[in-house]
C-alpha atoms as a PDB file:
ATOM      1  CA  MET A   1       0.012  -0.141  -0.195  1.00  0.00           C
ATOM      2  CA  ILE A   2       1.072   3.500  -1.026  1.00  0.00           C
ATOM      3  CA  GLU A   3      -0.201   6.390   1.397  1.00  0.00           C
ATOM      4  CA  LEU A   4       0.132  10.412   0.667  1.00  0.00           C
ATOM      5  CA  GLU A   5      -0.701  12.642   2.914  1.00  0.00           C
ATOM      6  CA  GLY A   6      -0.396  16.183   2.375  1.00  0.00           C
ATOM      7  CA  LEU A   7       2.136  15.631  -0.152  1.00  0.00           C
ATOM      8  CA  THR A   8       3.607  18.640  -1.787  1.00  0.00           C
ATOM      9  CA  LYS A   9       6.314  19.854  -3.850  1.00  0.00           C
ATOM     10  CA  ARG A  10       7.367  23.206  -4.916  1.00  0.00           C
ATOM     11  CA  TYR A  11      10.274  24.227  -7.121  1.00  0.00           C
ATOM     12  CA  GLY A  12      10.786  28.050  -6.320  1.00  0.00           C
ATOM     13  CA  GLU A  13       7.433  29.664  -7.075  1.00  0.00           C
ATOM     14  CA  LYS A  14       6.054  27.007  -9.052  1.00  0.00           C
ATOM     15  CA  VAL A  15       3.832  24.560  -6.960  1.00  0.00           C
ATOM     16  CA  ALA A  16       3.813  21.119  -9.041  1.00  0.00           C
ATOM     17  CA  VAL A  17       2.594  19.194  -6.593  1.00  0.00           C
ATOM     18  CA  ASN A  18       0.092  20.556  -4.010  1.00  0.00           C
ATOM     19  CA  ASN A  19      -1.459  19.083  -0.592  1.00  0.00           C
ATOM     20  CA  LEU A  20      -2.016  15.423  -2.386  1.00  0.00           C
ATOM     21  CA  THR A  21      -3.878  12.735  -0.040  1.00  0.00           C
ATOM     22  CA  PHE A  22      -5.046   9.662  -1.314  1.00  0.00           C
ATOM     23  CA  THR A  23      -4.365   5.706  -0.478  1.00  0.00           C
ATOM     24  CA  VAL A  24      -3.319   3.436  -3.305  1.00  0.00           C
ATOM     25  CA  ARG A  25      -4.517   0.457  -2.306  1.00  0.00           C
ATOM     26  CA  PRO A  26      -3.781  -3.414  -2.886  1.00  0.00           C
ATOM     27  CA  GLY A  27      -5.603  -5.883  -4.545  1.00  0.00           C
ATOM     28  CA  ILE A  28      -6.541  -3.398  -7.738  1.00  0.00           C
ATOM     29  CA  ILE A  29      -5.132  -1.850 -10.478  1.00  0.00           C
ATOM     30  CA  THR A  30      -5.327   2.541  -9.595  1.00  0.00           C
ATOM     31  CA  GLY A  31      -4.678   4.553 -12.850  1.00  0.00           C
ATOM     32  CA  PHE A  32      -2.926   7.863 -12.324  1.00  0.00           C
ATOM     33  CA  LEU A  33      -4.411  10.745 -14.566  1.00  0.00           C
ATOM     34  CA  GLY A  34      -3.727  14.137 -15.335  1.00  0.00           C
ATOM     35  CA  PRO A  35      -2.599  16.821 -18.126  1.00  0.00           C
ATOM     36  CA  ASN A  36       0.591  17.421 -19.171  1.00  0.00           C
ATOM     37  CA  GLY A  37       2.408  19.185 -16.083  1.00  0.00           C
ATOM     38  CA  ALA A  38      -0.121  18.184 -13.490  1.00  0.00           C
ATOM     39  CA  GLY A  39       2.709  16.674 -11.270  1.00  0.00           C
ATOM     40  CA  LYS A  40       2.482  12.939 -11.861  1.00  0.00           C
ATOM     41  CA  SER A  41       6.062  12.240 -12.421  1.00  0.00           C
ATOM     42  CA  THR A  42       7.083  14.232  -9.757  1.00  0.00           C
ATOM     43  CA  THR A  43       4.287  12.369  -7.204  1.00  0.00           C
ATOM     44  CA  MET A  44       5.688   8.790  -8.238  1.00  0.00           C
ATOM     45  CA  ARG A  45       9.486  10.412  -7.864  1.00  0.00           C
ATOM     46  CA  MET A  46       8.776  11.067  -4.165  1.00  0.00           C
ATOM     47  CA  VAL A  47       7.114   8.197  -3.382  1.00  0.00           C
ATOM     48  CA  LEU A  48      10.478   6.901  -4.490  1.00  0.00           C
ATOM     49  CA  GLY A  49      12.658   8.893  -2.525  1.00  0.00           C
ATOM     50  CA  LEU A  50      14.492  10.318  -5.507  1.00  0.00           C
ATOM     51  CA  ASP A  51      12.899  13.857  -4.273  1.00  0.00           C
ATOM     52  CA  ARG A  52      12.493  15.223  -1.258  1.00  0.00           C
ATOM     53  CA  PRO A  53       8.695  16.723  -0.476  1.00  0.00           C
ATOM     54  CA  THR A  54       8.395  20.279   0.655  1.00  0.00           C
ATOM     55  CA  ALA A  55       5.861  19.727   2.941  1.00  0.00           C
ATOM     56  CA  GLY A  56       3.481  16.076   3.420  1.00  0.00           C
ATOM     57  CA  ASP A  57       4.464  12.494   4.080  1.00  0.00           C
ATOM     58  CA  VAL A  58       4.217   9.385   1.544  1.00  0.00           C
ATOM     59  CA  ARG A  59       4.621   5.663   3.212  1.00  0.00           C
ATOM     60  CA  ILE A  60       5.495   2.418   1.584  1.00  0.00           C
ATOM     61  CA  ASP A  61       3.770  -0.129   4.005  1.00  0.00           C
ATOM     62  CA  GLY A  62       3.920   2.216   6.578  1.00  0.00           C
ATOM     63  CA  LYS A  63       7.883   2.797   6.179  1.00  0.00           C
ATOM     64  CA  HIS A  64       9.523   5.798   3.771  1.00  0.00           C
ATOM     65  CA  TYR A  65      11.305   4.474   1.390  1.00  0.00           C
ATOM     66  CA  ASP A  66      14.599   5.146   2.485  1.00  0.00           C
ATOM     67  CA  GLN A  67      13.800   2.700   5.590  1.00  0.00           C
ATOM     68  CA  LEU A  68      12.971  -0.026   3.283  1.00  0.00           C
ATOM     69  CA  LYS A  69      15.723  -2.914   3.347  1.00  0.00           C
ATOM     70  CA  ASP A  70      16.400  -4.501   0.125  1.00  0.00           C
ATOM     71  CA  PRO A  71      13.538  -1.915  -1.485  1.00  0.00           C
ATOM     72  CA  LEU A  72      13.121  -3.843  -4.496  1.00  0.00           C
ATOM     73  CA  LYS A  73      11.448  -6.459  -2.556  1.00  0.00           C
ATOM     74  CA  TYR A  74       9.220  -4.005  -1.449  1.00  0.00           C
ATOM     75  CA  ILE A  75       7.986  -1.610  -4.502  1.00  0.00           C
ATOM     76  CA  GLY A  76       9.279  -2.327  -8.220  1.00  0.00           C
ATOM     77  CA  ALA A  77       9.096   1.144 -10.417  1.00  0.00           C
ATOM     78  CA  LEU A  78       9.510   1.749 -13.925  1.00  0.00           C
ATOM     79  CA  LEU A  79       9.809   5.716 -14.483  1.00  0.00           C
ATOM     80  CA  GLU A  80      12.346   5.958 -16.899  1.00  0.00           C
ATOM     81  CA  ALA A  81      12.672   3.038 -19.384  1.00  0.00           C
ATOM     82  CA  LYS A  82      16.227   3.605 -20.697  1.00  0.00           C
ATOM     83  CA  ALA A  83      17.968   4.001 -16.935  1.00  0.00           C
ATOM     84  CA  TRP A  84      20.723   1.189 -17.502  1.00  0.00           C
ATOM     85  CA  HIS A  85      24.071   1.730 -18.880  1.00  0.00           C
ATOM     86  CA  GLY A  86      24.185   0.932 -22.953  1.00  0.00           C
ATOM     87  CA  GLY A  87      27.111  -0.934 -22.488  1.00  0.00           C
ATOM     88  CA  ARG A  88      25.639  -3.828 -20.542  1.00  0.00           C
ATOM     89  CA  SER A  89      23.900  -6.808 -21.480  1.00  0.00           C
ATOM     90  CA  ALA A  90      20.147  -6.960 -20.418  1.00  0.00           C
ATOM     91  CA  TYR A  91      21.163 -10.261 -18.312  1.00  0.00           C
ATOM     92  CA  ASN A  92      24.278  -8.198 -16.617  1.00  0.00           C
ATOM     93  CA  HIS A  93      21.692  -4.854 -15.926  1.00  0.00           C
ATOM     94  CA  LEU A  94      19.458  -7.156 -14.213  1.00  0.00           C
ATOM     95  CA  LEU A  95      22.274  -9.266 -12.726  1.00  0.00           C
ATOM     96  CA  CYS A  96      23.805  -5.977 -10.952  1.00  0.00           C
ATOM     97  CA  LEU A  97      20.194  -5.189  -9.616  1.00  0.00           C
ATOM     98  CA  ALA A  98      19.787  -8.442  -8.037  1.00  0.00           C
ATOM     99  CA  GLN A  99      23.239  -8.757  -6.100  1.00  0.00           C
ATOM    100  CA  SER A 100      22.649  -5.028  -4.750  1.00  0.00           C
ATOM    101  CA  ASN A 101      19.335  -6.238  -3.239  1.00  0.00           C
ATOM    102  CA  GLY A 102      19.710  -9.593  -2.137  1.00  0.00           C
ATOM    103  CA  ILE A 103      17.788 -11.169  -4.821  1.00  0.00           C
ATOM    104  CA  PRO A 104      18.585 -14.728  -6.403  1.00  0.00           C
ATOM    105  CA  THR A 105      20.931 -14.646  -9.168  1.00  0.00           C
ATOM    106  CA  SER A 106      18.207 -17.321 -10.889  1.00  0.00           C
ATOM    107  CA  ARG A 107      15.407 -14.608 -10.478  1.00  0.00           C
ATOM    108  CA  VAL A 108      17.151 -12.860 -13.187  1.00  0.00           C
ATOM    109  CA  ARG A 109      15.995 -15.145 -15.848  1.00  0.00           C
ATOM    110  CA  GLU A 110      12.749 -15.462 -14.441  1.00  0.00           C
ATOM    111  CA  VAL A 111      12.026 -11.975 -15.362  1.00  0.00           C
ATOM    112  CA  LEU A 112      13.847 -12.197 -18.574  1.00  0.00           C
ATOM    113  CA  ASP A 113      11.278 -14.592 -19.851  1.00  0.00           C
ATOM    114  CA  THR A 114       8.363 -13.174 -18.199  1.00  0.00           C
ATOM    115  CA  VAL A 115       9.209 -10.009 -20.332  1.00  0.00           C
ATOM    116  CA  GLY A 116       9.880 -11.515 -23.300  1.00  0.00           C
ATOM    117  CA  LEU A 117      13.901 -11.015 -23.441  1.00  0.00           C
ATOM    118  CA  THR A 118      15.405 -14.382 -22.955  1.00  0.00           C
ATOM    119  CA  ALA A 119      16.467 -14.460 -26.801  1.00  0.00           C
ATOM    120  CA  VAL A 120      18.347 -11.170 -26.513  1.00  0.00           C
ATOM    121  CA  ALA A 121      19.677 -10.983 -22.761  1.00  0.00           C
ATOM    122  CA  LYS A 122      22.992 -11.314 -23.900  1.00  0.00           C
ATOM    123  CA  LYS A 123      23.081  -8.428 -26.243  1.00  0.00           C
ATOM    124  CA  LYS A 124      24.175  -4.960 -25.047  1.00  0.00           C
ATOM    125  CA  THR A 125      21.017  -2.749 -24.210  1.00  0.00           C
ATOM    126  CA  LYS A 126      22.249   0.483 -26.680  1.00  0.00           C
ATOM    127  CA  GLY A 127      20.859  -1.462 -29.442  1.00  0.00           C
ATOM    128  CA  PHE A 128      17.352  -2.079 -28.127  1.00  0.00           C
ATOM    129  CA  SER A 129      14.426  -0.336 -29.660  1.00  0.00           C
ATOM    130  CA  MET A 130      11.732   1.660 -27.297  1.00  0.00           C
ATOM    131  CA  GLY A 131       9.578  -1.431 -26.969  1.00  0.00           C
ATOM    132  CA  MET A 132      12.563  -3.628 -26.086  1.00  0.00           C
ATOM    133  CA  GLY A 133      13.619  -0.937 -23.525  1.00  0.00           C
ATOM    134  CA  GLN A 134       9.862  -0.890 -22.046  1.00  0.00           C
ATOM    135  CA  ARG A 135       9.950  -4.665 -21.424  1.00  0.00           C
ATOM    136  CA  LEU A 136      13.738  -4.630 -19.574  1.00  0.00           C
ATOM    137  CA  GLY A 137      12.676  -1.493 -17.609  1.00  0.00           C
ATOM    138  CA  ILE A 138       9.444  -3.928 -16.577  1.00  0.00           C
ATOM    139  CA  ALA A 139      11.561  -6.585 -15.532  1.00  0.00           C
ATOM    140  CA  ALA A 140      13.771  -4.460 -13.233  1.00  0.00           C
ATOM    141  CA  ALA A 141      10.688  -3.540 -11.534  1.00  0.00           C
ATOM    142  CA  LEU A 142       9.573  -7.287 -11.481  1.00  0.00           C
ATOM    143  CA  LEU A 143      12.992  -8.691 -10.051  1.00  0.00           C
ATOM    144  CA  GLY A 144      12.563  -8.170  -6.221  1.00  0.00           C
ATOM    145  CA  ASP A 145       8.961 -10.001  -6.580  1.00  0.00           C
ATOM    146  CA  PRO A 146       7.583  -7.073  -4.782  1.00  0.00           C
ATOM    147  CA  ARG A 147       4.154  -6.624  -3.295  1.00  0.00           C
ATOM    148  CA  ILE A 148       4.239  -3.031  -4.673  1.00  0.00           C
ATOM    149  CA  LEU A 149       4.428  -2.267  -8.259  1.00  0.00           C
ATOM    150  CA  MET A 150       4.523   1.278  -9.740  1.00  0.00           C
ATOM    151  CA  PHE A 151       4.342   2.156 -13.735  1.00  0.00           C
ATOM    152  CA  ASP A 152       4.929   5.473 -15.347  1.00  0.00           C
ATOM    153  CA  GLU A 153       3.372   4.901 -18.736  1.00  0.00           C
ATOM    154  CA  PRO A 154       4.247   1.453 -19.313  1.00  0.00           C
ATOM    155  CA  VAL A 155       2.853   0.982 -23.057  1.00  0.00           C
ATOM    156  CA  ASN A 156       5.546   3.282 -24.569  1.00  0.00           C
ATOM    157  CA  GLY A 157       7.311   1.955 -28.008  1.00  0.00           C
ATOM    158  CA  LEU A 158       4.941  -1.344 -27.152  1.00  0.00           C
ATOM    159  CA  ASP A 159       3.302  -3.218 -30.315  1.00  0.00           C
ATOM    160  CA  PRO A 160       0.047  -4.540 -30.246  1.00  0.00           C
ATOM    161  CA  GLU A 161       1.070  -7.676 -28.529  1.00  0.00           C
ATOM    162  CA  GLY A 162       2.776  -6.203 -25.792  1.00  0.00           C
ATOM    163  CA  ILE A 163       0.523  -3.616 -24.974  1.00  0.00           C
ATOM    164  CA  HIS A 164      -2.156  -6.602 -24.433  1.00  0.00           C
ATOM    165  CA  TRP A 165       0.560  -8.640 -22.232  1.00  0.00           C
ATOM    166  CA  ILE A 166       1.333  -5.863 -20.082  1.00  0.00           C
ATOM    167  CA  ARG A 167      -2.315  -5.038 -19.381  1.00  0.00           C
ATOM    168  CA  ASN A 168      -2.871  -8.824 -18.909  1.00  0.00           C
ATOM    169  CA  LEU A 169       0.378  -8.663 -16.537  1.00  0.00           C
ATOM    170  CA  MET A 170      -1.244  -5.800 -14.277  1.00  0.00           C
ATOM    171  CA  LYS A 171      -4.111  -7.626 -13.757  1.00  0.00           C
ATOM    172  CA  SER A 172      -2.658 -10.594 -12.865  1.00  0.00           C
ATOM    173  CA  LEU A 173      -0.485  -8.689 -10.303  1.00  0.00           C
ATOM    174  CA  ALA A 174      -3.288  -6.960  -8.625  1.00  0.00           C
ATOM    175  CA  ALA A 175      -5.447 -10.315  -8.705  1.00  0.00           C
ATOM    176  CA  GLN A 176      -2.620 -11.642  -6.786  1.00  0.00           C
ATOM    177  CA  GLY A 177      -3.532  -9.287  -3.861  1.00  0.00           C
ATOM    178  CA  ARG A 178      -0.546  -6.679  -5.001  1.00  0.00           C
ATOM    179  CA  THR A 179      -0.537  -2.857  -4.921  1.00  0.00           C
ATOM    180  CA  VAL A 180      -0.472  -1.809  -8.962  1.00  0.00           C
ATOM    181  CA  PHE A 181      -0.173   2.192  -9.530  1.00  0.00           C
ATOM    182  CA  VAL A 182      -0.034   3.421 -13.283  1.00  0.00           C
ATOM    183  CA  SER A 183       0.172   6.600 -14.835  1.00  0.00           C
ATOM    184  CA  SER A 184      -0.585   6.825 -18.474  1.00  0.00           C
ATOM    185  CA  HIS A 185      -2.087   9.229 -20.982  1.00  0.00           C
ATOM    186  CA  LEU A 186      -3.500   6.481 -23.158  1.00  0.00           C
ATOM    187  CA  MET A 187      -7.194   6.346 -22.127  1.00  0.00           C
ATOM    188  CA  SER A 188      -8.815   3.771 -23.930  1.00  0.00           C
ATOM    189  CA  GLU A 189      -5.636   1.668 -22.497  1.00  0.00           C
ATOM    190  CA  MET A 190      -6.342   2.445 -18.989  1.00  0.00           C
ATOM    191  CA  ALA A 191     -10.127   2.240 -19.457  1.00  0.00           C
ATOM    192  CA  LEU A 192      -9.367  -1.323 -20.195  1.00  0.00           C
ATOM    193  CA  THR A 193      -7.131  -1.688 -17.271  1.00  0.00           C
ATOM    194  CA  ALA A 194      -7.692   0.511 -14.309  1.00  0.00           C
ATOM    195  CA  ASP A 195     -10.361  -0.025 -11.154  1.00  0.00           C
ATOM    196  CA  HIS A 196      -9.967   2.977  -9.650  1.00  0.00           C
ATOM    197  CA  LEU A 197      -8.910   6.473 -10.418  1.00  0.00           C
ATOM    198  CA  VAL A 198      -6.687   9.073  -9.165  1.00  0.00           C
ATOM    199  CA  VAL A 199      -6.916  12.162 -10.871  1.00  0.00           C
ATOM    200  CA  ILE A 200      -4.627  15.334 -10.391  1.00  0.00           C
ATOM    201  CA  GLY A 201      -4.644  19.261 -12.387  1.00  0.00           C
ATOM    202  CA  GLN A 202      -1.881  21.608 -11.617  1.00  0.00           C
ATOM    203  CA  GLY A 203      -1.016  19.493  -8.570  1.00  0.00           C
ATOM    204  CA  ARG A 204      -4.208  18.949  -7.084  1.00  0.00           C
ATOM    205  CA  LEU A 205      -6.379  16.185  -6.278  1.00  0.00           C
ATOM    206  CA  LEU A 206      -9.659  16.456  -8.626  1.00  0.00           C
ATOM    207  CA  ALA A 207     -10.768  12.853  -8.206  1.00  0.00           C
ATOM    208  CA  ASP A 208      -9.927   9.783  -6.232  1.00  0.00           C
ATOM    209  CA  THR A 209     -12.732   7.280  -7.178  1.00  0.00           C
ATOM    210  CA  SER A 210     -13.730   3.986  -9.015  1.00  0.00           C
ATOM    211  CA  MET A 211     -13.682   3.609 -12.600  1.00  0.00           C
ATOM    212  CA  ALA A 212     -17.353   3.483 -12.888  1.00  0.00           C
ATOM    213  CA  ASP A 213     -18.251   6.444 -10.668  1.00  0.00           C
ATOM    214  CA  PHE A 214     -15.813   8.497 -12.088  1.00  0.00           C
ATOM    215  CA  ILE A 215     -17.420   8.051 -15.774  1.00  0.00           C
ATOM    216  CA  ALA A 216     -20.908   8.917 -14.431  1.00  0.00           C
ATOM    217  CA  GLU A 217     -20.064  11.679 -12.470  1.00  0.00           C
ATOM    218  CA  ASN A 218     -18.065  13.865 -15.155  1.00  0.00           C
ATOM    219  CA  SER A 219     -19.728  13.077 -18.257  1.00  0.00           C
ATOM    220  CA  ARG A 220     -23.519  13.052 -19.819  1.00  0.00           C
ATOM    221  CA  SER A 221     -25.565   9.848 -20.712  1.00  0.00           C
ATOM    222  CA  TYR A 222     -28.288  10.039 -23.312  1.00  0.00           C
ATOM    223  CA  VAL A 223     -30.333   8.149 -25.622  1.00  0.00           C
ATOM    224  CA  ARG A 224     -29.573   8.610 -29.555  1.00  0.00           C
ATOM    225  CA  ILE A 225     -33.081   8.554 -31.497  1.00  0.00           C
ATOM    226  CA  ARG A 226     -33.502   8.387 -35.519  1.00  0.00           C
ATOM    227  CA  THR A 227     -36.926   8.297 -36.988  1.00  0.00           C
ATOM    228  CA  PRO A 228     -38.862   9.075 -40.171  1.00  0.00           C
ATOM    229  CA  GLN A 229     -41.473   9.986 -37.934  1.00  0.00           C
ATOM    230  CA  ARG A 230     -40.005  12.964 -36.215  1.00  0.00           C
ATOM    231  CA  GLU A 231     -42.844  15.222 -35.542  1.00  0.00           C
ATOM    232  CA  ARG A 232     -44.987  12.652 -34.548  1.00  0.00           C
ATOM    233  CA  LEU A 233     -42.148  11.135 -31.934  1.00  0.00           C
ATOM    234  CA  LEU A 234     -41.636  15.000 -30.658  1.00  0.00           C
ATOM    235  CA  ASP A 235     -45.610  15.230 -30.059  1.00  0.00           C
ATOM    236  CA  VAL A 236     -45.440  11.785 -28.005  1.00  0.00           C
ATOM    237  CA  LEU A 237     -42.315  12.342 -25.864  1.00  0.00           C
ATOM    238  CA  HIS A 238     -43.718  16.389 -25.057  1.00  0.00           C
ATOM    239  CA  GLU A 239     -46.728  14.507 -24.091  1.00  0.00           C
ATOM    240  CA  ALA A 240     -44.824  12.151 -21.965  1.00  0.00           C
ATOM    241  CA  GLY A 241     -42.762  15.190 -20.043  1.00  0.00           C
ATOM    242  CA  ILE A 242     -39.833  13.723 -21.844  1.00  0.00           C
ATOM    243  CA  THR A 243     -37.276  16.468 -22.708  1.00  0.00           C
ATOM    244  CA  VAL A 244     -35.841  15.978 -26.120  1.00  0.00           C
ATOM    245  CA  VAL A 245     -32.393  17.815 -27.503  1.00  0.00           C
ATOM    246  CA  GLU A 246     -32.511  18.389 -31.187  1.00  0.00           C
ATOM    247  CA  SER A 247     -28.391  17.129 -32.790  1.00  0.00           C
ATOM    248  CA  GLY A 248     -28.851  17.999 -36.508  1.00  0.00           C
ATOM    249  CA  ALA A 249     -31.654  17.355 -38.939  1.00  0.00           C
ATOM    250  CA  GLU A 250     -32.108  13.528 -38.731  1.00  0.00           C
ATOM    251  CA  VAL A 251     -31.034  12.969 -34.611  1.00  0.00           C
ATOM    252  CA  LEU A 252     -33.043  13.414 -31.403  1.00  0.00           C
ATOM    253  CA  GLU A 253     -31.561  13.288 -27.988  1.00  0.00           C
ATOM    254  CA  VAL A 254     -32.712  12.490 -24.473  1.00  0.00           C
ATOM    255  CA  ASP A 255     -30.745  12.631 -21.677  1.00  0.00           C
ATOM    256  CA  GLY A 256     -30.660   9.870 -19.147  1.00  0.00           C
ATOM    257  CA  ASP A 257     -30.832   6.287 -18.934  1.00  0.00           C
ATOM    258  CA  LYS A 258     -34.589   6.605 -20.743  1.00  0.00           C
ATOM    259  CA  SER A 259     -33.995   3.705 -23.883  1.00  0.00           C
ATOM    260  CA  GLU A 260     -36.899   1.568 -22.911  1.00  0.00           C
ATOM    261  CA  ALA A 261     -39.474   4.199 -21.624  1.00  0.00           C
ATOM    262  CA  VAL A 262     -38.717   6.036 -25.556  1.00  0.00           C
ATOM    263  CA  GLY A 263     -38.921   2.491 -27.012  1.00  0.00           C
ATOM    264  CA  GLU A 264     -42.316   1.379 -25.401  1.00  0.00           C
ATOM    265  CA  LEU A 265     -43.794   4.882 -26.197  1.00  0.00           C
ATOM    266  CA  ALA A 266     -42.705   4.817 -29.917  1.00  0.00           C
ATOM    267  CA  ALA A 267     -44.320   1.071 -29.922  1.00  0.00           C
ATOM    268  CA  ARG A 268     -47.483   1.993 -28.535  1.00  0.00           C
ATOM    269  CA  HIS A 269     -48.031   4.932 -30.970  1.00  0.00           C
ATOM    270  CA  GLN A 270     -46.588   2.841 -33.478  1.00  0.00           C
ATOM    271  CA  ILE A 271     -43.606   4.744 -34.557  1.00  0.00           C
ATOM    272  CA  VAL A 272     -41.010   3.645 -36.656  1.00  0.00           C
ATOM    273  CA  LEU A 273     -37.749   4.068 -35.111  1.00  0.00           C
ATOM    274  CA  HIS A 274     -34.582   3.662 -37.090  1.00  0.00           C
ATOM    275  CA  GLU A 275     -32.004   3.651 -34.215  1.00  0.00           C
ATOM    276  CA  LEU A 276     -32.422   4.004 -30.489  1.00  0.00           C
ATOM    277  CA  SER A 277     -29.118   3.504 -28.647  1.00  0.00           C
ATOM    278  CA  PRO A 278     -27.958   4.526 -25.398  1.00  0.00           C
ATOM    279  CA  GLN A 279     -24.894   6.323 -25.502  1.00  0.00           C
ATOM    280  CA  ARG A 280     -22.376   6.734 -22.667  1.00  0.00           C
ATOM    281  CA  ALA A 281     -19.237   8.521 -22.454  1.00  0.00           C
ATOM    282  CA  SER A 282     -15.997   7.162 -22.540  1.00  0.00           C
ATOM    283  CA  LEU A 283     -13.262   7.787 -20.030  1.00  0.00           C
ATOM    284  CA  GLU A 284     -11.528  10.283 -22.463  1.00  0.00           C
ATOM    285  CA  GLU A 285     -14.649  12.269 -22.510  1.00  0.00           C
ATOM    286  CA  ALA A 286     -15.123  12.346 -18.987  1.00  0.00           C
ATOM    287  CA  PHE A 287     -11.317  12.992 -18.358  1.00  0.00           C
ATOM    288  CA  MET A 288     -11.519  16.310 -20.435  1.00  0.00           C
ATOM    289  CA  GLN A 289     -14.391  17.348 -18.956  1.00  0.00           C
ATOM    290  CA  LEU A 290     -13.081  17.048 -15.358  1.00  0.00           C
ATOM    291  CA  THR A 291      -9.470  18.702 -16.368  1.00  0.00           C
ATOM    292  CA  ALA A 292     -10.932  21.075 -19.018  1.00  0.00           C
ATOM    293  CA  GLU A 293      -9.740  23.749 -16.359  1.00  0.00           C
ATOM    294  CA  SER A 294      -6.175  22.491 -15.169  1.00  0.00           C
ATOM    295  CA  VAL A 295      -4.594  22.295 -18.653  1.00  0.00           C
ATOM    296  CA  GLU A 296      -1.412  23.822 -18.766  1.00  0.00           C
ATOM    297  CA  TYR A 297      -0.397  23.556 -22.416  1.00  0.00           C
ATOM    298  CA  HIS A 298      -3.362  23.915 -25.040  1.00  0.00           C
ATOM    299  CA  ALA A 299      -3.198  23.567 -28.458  1.00  0.00           C
ATOM    300  CA  HIS A 300      -5.714  24.574 -31.305  1.00  0.00           C
ATOM    301  CA  ASP A 301      -6.160  23.566 -35.042  1.00  0.00           C
ATOM    302  CA  GLY A 302      -4.039  26.064 -36.779  1.00  0.00           C
ATOM    303  CA  ARG A 303      -6.488  29.066 -37.527  1.00  0.00           C
ATOM    304  CA  PRO A 304      -5.701  32.017 -35.445  1.00  0.00           C
ATOM    305  CA  ALA A 305      -7.079  32.226 -31.806  1.00  0.00           C
ATOM    306  CA  GLY A 306     -10.593  33.610 -32.393  1.00  0.00           C
ATOM    307  CA  GLN A 307     -11.523  31.903 -35.659  1.00  0.00           C
ATOM    308  CA  GLN A 308     -12.210  28.400 -34.414  1.00  0.00           C
ATOM    309  CA  GLN A 309     -15.153  26.817 -35.347  1.00  0.00           C
ATOM    310  CA  PRO A 310     -17.907  27.125 -33.016  1.00  0.00           C
ATOM    311  CA  ALA A 311     -20.015  24.331 -31.416  1.00  0.00           C
ATOM    312  CA  PRO A 312     -23.428  23.459 -33.027  1.00  0.00           C
ATOM    313  CA  ARG A 313     -25.854  24.879 -31.648  1.00  0.00           C
ATOM    314  CA  GLN A 314     -28.605  22.431 -30.350  1.00  0.00           C
ATOM    315  CA  GLN A 315     -32.331  23.167 -29.768  1.00  0.00           C
ATOM    316  CA  ALA A 316     -33.695  21.684 -26.583  1.00  0.00           C
ATOM    317  CA  TRP A 317     -37.865  20.880 -26.484  1.00  0.00           C
ATOM    318  CA  GLY A 318     -39.095  20.522 -23.127  1.00  0.00           C
ATOM    319  CA  SER A 319     -42.288  20.786 -21.207  1.00  0.00           C
ATOM    320  CA  ASP A 320     -43.071  24.439 -22.585  1.00  0.00           C
ATOM    321  CA  TRP A 321     -42.467  23.336 -26.168  1.00  0.00           C
ATOM    322  CA  LYS A 322     -45.230  24.426 -28.245  1.00  0.00           C
ATOM    323  CA  ARG A 323     -45.741  23.375 -32.048  1.00  0.00           C
ATOM    324  CA  GLY A 324     -46.682  26.285 -34.497  1.00  0.00           C
END
């Protein structure tokens, strides 16, 4: 378990991490999200004692990192994929780590096999691709068979097979009761991997909740409807007290999870439906909604500021709507 309490880090006048308090618990995968510059990497570095907090505290199974005896047996981490000497082989890199942490030599071959690098174990790491480097970094994190794993952007450079492998590896580690803390900018991948989310923006805690609750609380769910009998359906929904949003010439939208109610009303009034589909926001949409005011670096589509295309207007039809 990783426990942060009031964790703060300042660099001069800049506050990189601002009074963070949360707990990363065992048995689940906790995703760590935030825009660029939010303070994620700085937070992870403080967990490992690489940066000293300006204020607050962070503990690993109740201890500071520098109090851990043989720390690789407590916590394994991937922060910098190429944190090795390029003149060493993958095997010798891991062997040095094992010998300095009291880890049996046999463990080196085990983790090389786990990450799929056995065939290149004796090759110098300076010739490794980015994906191979990621695998070696993950092998180093697994070397001490720790109860806590911390990964910063673990899928960087991995091919589809590698991404599938690391996703299943993290799920397997969590299923064994280990603590898994992972940072990533790939929302689609995080949505498939994480059980719980910690979201920060400009160094501050924005959310500490389950994946399902995060999406539900920070996004809109609605029912998308297409019908050739649009005016008739608008009348029926109005009479039932259901508010409708007109999205484009052919699409109607009803907020909330009302697909069954809309379908039953349409059937009762013999209205043909070409589409009746519940729509739920993705993790990416919910993340963008929550962190919109915390984004430090903004980009645009190439047009000068002030010339961006406005969002299309939507017409809402509620209980006060009357047809002319």
